[in-house]
C-alpha atoms as a PDB file:
ATOM      1  CA  MET A   1      24.659   9.902  15.919  1.00  0.00           C
ATOM      2  CA  THR A   2      22.788  12.422  13.805  1.00  0.00           C
ATOM      3  CA  THR A   3      24.081  14.356  10.862  1.00  0.00           C
ATOM      4  CA  PRO A   4      22.812  17.713   9.591  1.00  0.00           C
ATOM      5  CA  ASP A   5      20.402  15.949   7.200  1.00  0.00           C
ATOM      6  CA  THR A   6      18.878  13.498   9.698  1.00  0.00           C
ATOM      7  CA  ARG A   7      16.668  13.781  12.748  1.00  0.00           C
ATOM      8  CA  VAL A   8      16.140  11.436  15.676  1.00  0.00           C
ATOM      9  CA  MET A   9      12.588  10.191  16.112  1.00  0.00           C
ATOM     10  CA  THR A  10      11.306   8.009  18.906  1.00  0.00           C
ATOM     11  CA  ALA A  11       8.354   5.652  19.040  1.00  0.00           C
ATOM     12  CA  HIS A  12       6.960   3.230  21.557  1.00  0.00           C
ATOM     13  CA  VAL A  13       6.506  -0.184  19.934  1.00  0.00           C
ATOM     14  CA  PRO A  14       5.105  -3.381  21.410  1.00  0.00           C
ATOM     15  CA  ILE A  15       7.779  -5.658  22.839  1.00  0.00           C
ATOM     16  CA  PRO A  16       7.019  -8.513  20.401  1.00  0.00           C
ATOM     17  CA  LEU A  17       7.536  -6.134  17.449  1.00  0.00           C
ATOM     18  CA  ALA A  18      10.757  -4.802  18.961  1.00  0.00           C
ATOM     19  CA  ASP A  19      11.940  -8.394  19.395  1.00  0.00           C
ATOM     20  CA  GLN A  20      11.155  -9.115  15.742  1.00  0.00           C
ATOM     21  CA  VAL A  21      13.158  -6.055  14.697  1.00  0.00           C
ATOM     22  CA  ASP A  22      16.083  -7.229  16.828  1.00  0.00           C
ATOM     23  CA  GLN A  23      15.921 -10.719  15.308  1.00  0.00           C
ATOM     24  CA  LEU A  24      15.739  -9.332  11.780  1.00  0.00           C
ATOM     25  CA  ALA A  25      18.636  -6.978  12.445  1.00  0.00           C
ATOM     26  CA  ALA A  26      20.740  -9.861  13.727  1.00  0.00           C
ATOM     27  CA  ARG A  27      19.828 -12.099  10.805  1.00  0.00           C
ATOM     28  CA  LEU A  28      20.627  -9.380   8.252  1.00  0.00           C
ATOM     29  CA  GLU A  29      23.650  -8.168  10.210  1.00  0.00           C
ATOM     30  CA  ARG A  30      22.245  -4.635  10.178  1.00  0.00           C
ATOM     31  CA  SER A  31      21.420  -2.183  12.930  1.00  0.00           C
ATOM     32  CA  ARG A  32      17.952  -1.736  14.388  1.00  0.00           C
ATOM     33  CA  GLY A  33      18.015   1.797  13.028  1.00  0.00           C
ATOM     34  CA  TRP A  34      18.647   0.531   9.503  1.00  0.00           C
ATOM     35  CA  ILE A  35      15.728  -1.925   9.770  1.00  0.00           C
ATOM     36  CA  VAL A  36      13.371   0.769  11.073  1.00  0.00           C
ATOM     37  CA  LYS A  37      14.474   3.233   8.394  1.00  0.00           C
ATOM     38  CA  GLN A  38      13.839   0.662   5.649  1.00  0.00           C
ATOM     39  CA  ALA A  39      10.423  -0.210   7.048  1.00  0.00           C
ATOM     40  CA  LEU A  40       9.421   3.416   7.519  1.00  0.00           C
ATOM     41  CA  SER A  41      10.583   4.339   4.014  1.00  0.00           C
ATOM     42  CA  ALA A  42       8.564   1.496   2.493  1.00  0.00           C
ATOM     43  CA  PHE A  43       5.466   2.440   4.505  1.00  0.00           C
ATOM     44  CA  VAL A  44       5.660   6.123   3.565  1.00  0.00           C
ATOM     45  CA  GLU A  45       6.164   5.243  -0.116  1.00  0.00           C
ATOM     46  CA  GLN A  46       3.161   2.882  -0.006  1.00  0.00           C
ATOM     47  CA  GLU A  47       0.927   5.487   1.629  1.00  0.00           C
ATOM     48  CA  GLU A  48       2.007   8.198  -0.822  1.00  0.00           C
ATOM     49  CA  SER A  49       1.189   5.852  -3.698  1.00  0.00           C
ATOM     50  CA  ARG A  50      -2.196   5.019  -2.161  1.00  0.00           C
ATOM     51  CA  TYR A  51      -2.934   8.750  -1.805  1.00  0.00           C
ATOM     52  CA  ARG A  52      -1.957   9.454  -5.441  1.00  0.00           C
ATOM     53  CA  MET A  53      -4.120   6.585  -6.680  1.00  0.00           C
ATOM     54  CA  THR A  54      -7.058   7.854  -4.605  1.00  0.00           C
ATOM     55  CA  LEU A  55      -6.734  11.319  -6.134  1.00  0.00           C
ATOM     56  CA  GLU A  56      -6.514   9.775  -9.621  1.00  0.00           C
ATOM     57  CA  GLY A  57      -9.621   7.700  -8.935  1.00  0.00           C
ATOM     58  CA  LEU A  58     -11.549  10.722  -7.700  1.00  0.00           C
ATOM     59  CA  SER A  59     -10.441  12.614 -10.804  1.00  0.00           C
ATOM     60  CA  ASP A  60     -11.754   9.765 -12.978  1.00  0.00           C
ATOM     61  CA  VAL A  61     -15.094   9.900 -11.156  1.00  0.00           C
ATOM     62  CA  ASP A  62     -15.277  13.656 -11.704  1.00  0.00           C
ATOM     63  CA  ALA A  63     -14.590  13.051 -15.411  1.00  0.00           C
ATOM     64  CA  GLY A  64     -17.371  10.456 -15.586  1.00  0.00           C
ATOM     65  CA  LEU A  65     -14.979   7.537 -16.114  1.00  0.00           C
ATOM     66  CA  THR A  66     -16.913   5.020 -14.067  1.00  0.00           C
ATOM     67  CA  VAL A  67     -18.314   1.534 -14.590  1.00  0.00           C
ATOM     68  CA  ASP A  68     -21.973   0.846 -13.884  1.00  0.00           C
ATOM     69  CA  HIS A  69     -22.397  -1.288 -10.759  1.00  0.00           C
ATOM     70  CA  ALA A  70     -24.994  -3.539 -12.376  1.00  0.00           C
ATOM     71  CA  ALA A  71     -22.601  -4.180 -15.280  1.00  0.00           C
ATOM     72  CA  VAL A  72     -19.848  -5.204 -12.851  1.00  0.00           C
ATOM     73  CA  GLU A  73     -22.223  -7.525 -10.990  1.00  0.00           C
ATOM     74  CA  ALA A  74     -23.374  -9.145 -14.237  1.00  0.00           C
ATOM     75  CA  TRP A  75     -19.764  -9.593 -15.382  1.00  0.00           C
ATOM     76  CA  ALA A  76     -18.700 -11.078 -12.027  1.00  0.00           C
ATOM     77  CA  ALA A  77     -21.658 -13.460 -12.007  1.00  0.00           C
ATOM     78  CA  SER A  78     -20.773 -14.601 -15.531  1.00  0.00           C
ATOM     79  CA  LEU A  79     -17.261 -15.657 -14.540  1.00  0.00           C
ATOM     80  CA  ASP A  80     -18.574 -18.961 -13.166  1.00  0.00           C
ATOM     81  CA  THR A  81     -20.375 -19.783 -16.399  1.00  0.00           C
ATOM     82  CA  ASP A  82     -19.301 -21.403 -19.645  1.00  0.00           C
ATOM     83  CA  SER A  83     -19.727 -18.044 -21.412  1.00  0.00           C
ATOM     84  CA  PRO A  84     -18.200 -15.282 -19.302  1.00  0.00           C
ATOM     85  CA  LEU A  85     -18.982 -11.730 -20.355  1.00  0.00           C
ATOM     86  CA  PRO A  86     -16.179  -9.384 -21.381  1.00  0.00           C
ATOM     87  CA  PRO A  87     -15.136  -6.985 -18.616  1.00  0.00           C
ATOM     88  CA  PRO A  88     -17.314  -3.882 -18.535  1.00  0.00           C
ATOM     89  CA  SER A  89     -15.779  -0.654 -19.770  1.00  0.00           C
ATOM     90  CA  CYS A  90     -15.895   2.895 -18.514  1.00  0.00           C
ATOM     91  CA  GLY A  91     -18.628   5.010 -19.891  1.00  0.00           C
END
């Protein structure tokens, strides 16, 4: 049943995934709809966060806040030595 602040959405999912949702719903004693809503909410939140971080990263690049590739390679190579280099800094 929908309420004024919800909307029904449909999706075709592979049978094995639908079976997993059913099993999870039974184990948690929740409805399939609740499981799908939780999963969809988590996915949307994750993708929004990924998008924000991408924009922040691009902003840093525009501002010149980058680390030289050669410096990162040298640092990474030093991690297997007895005298690892300090992590490179933005510059």
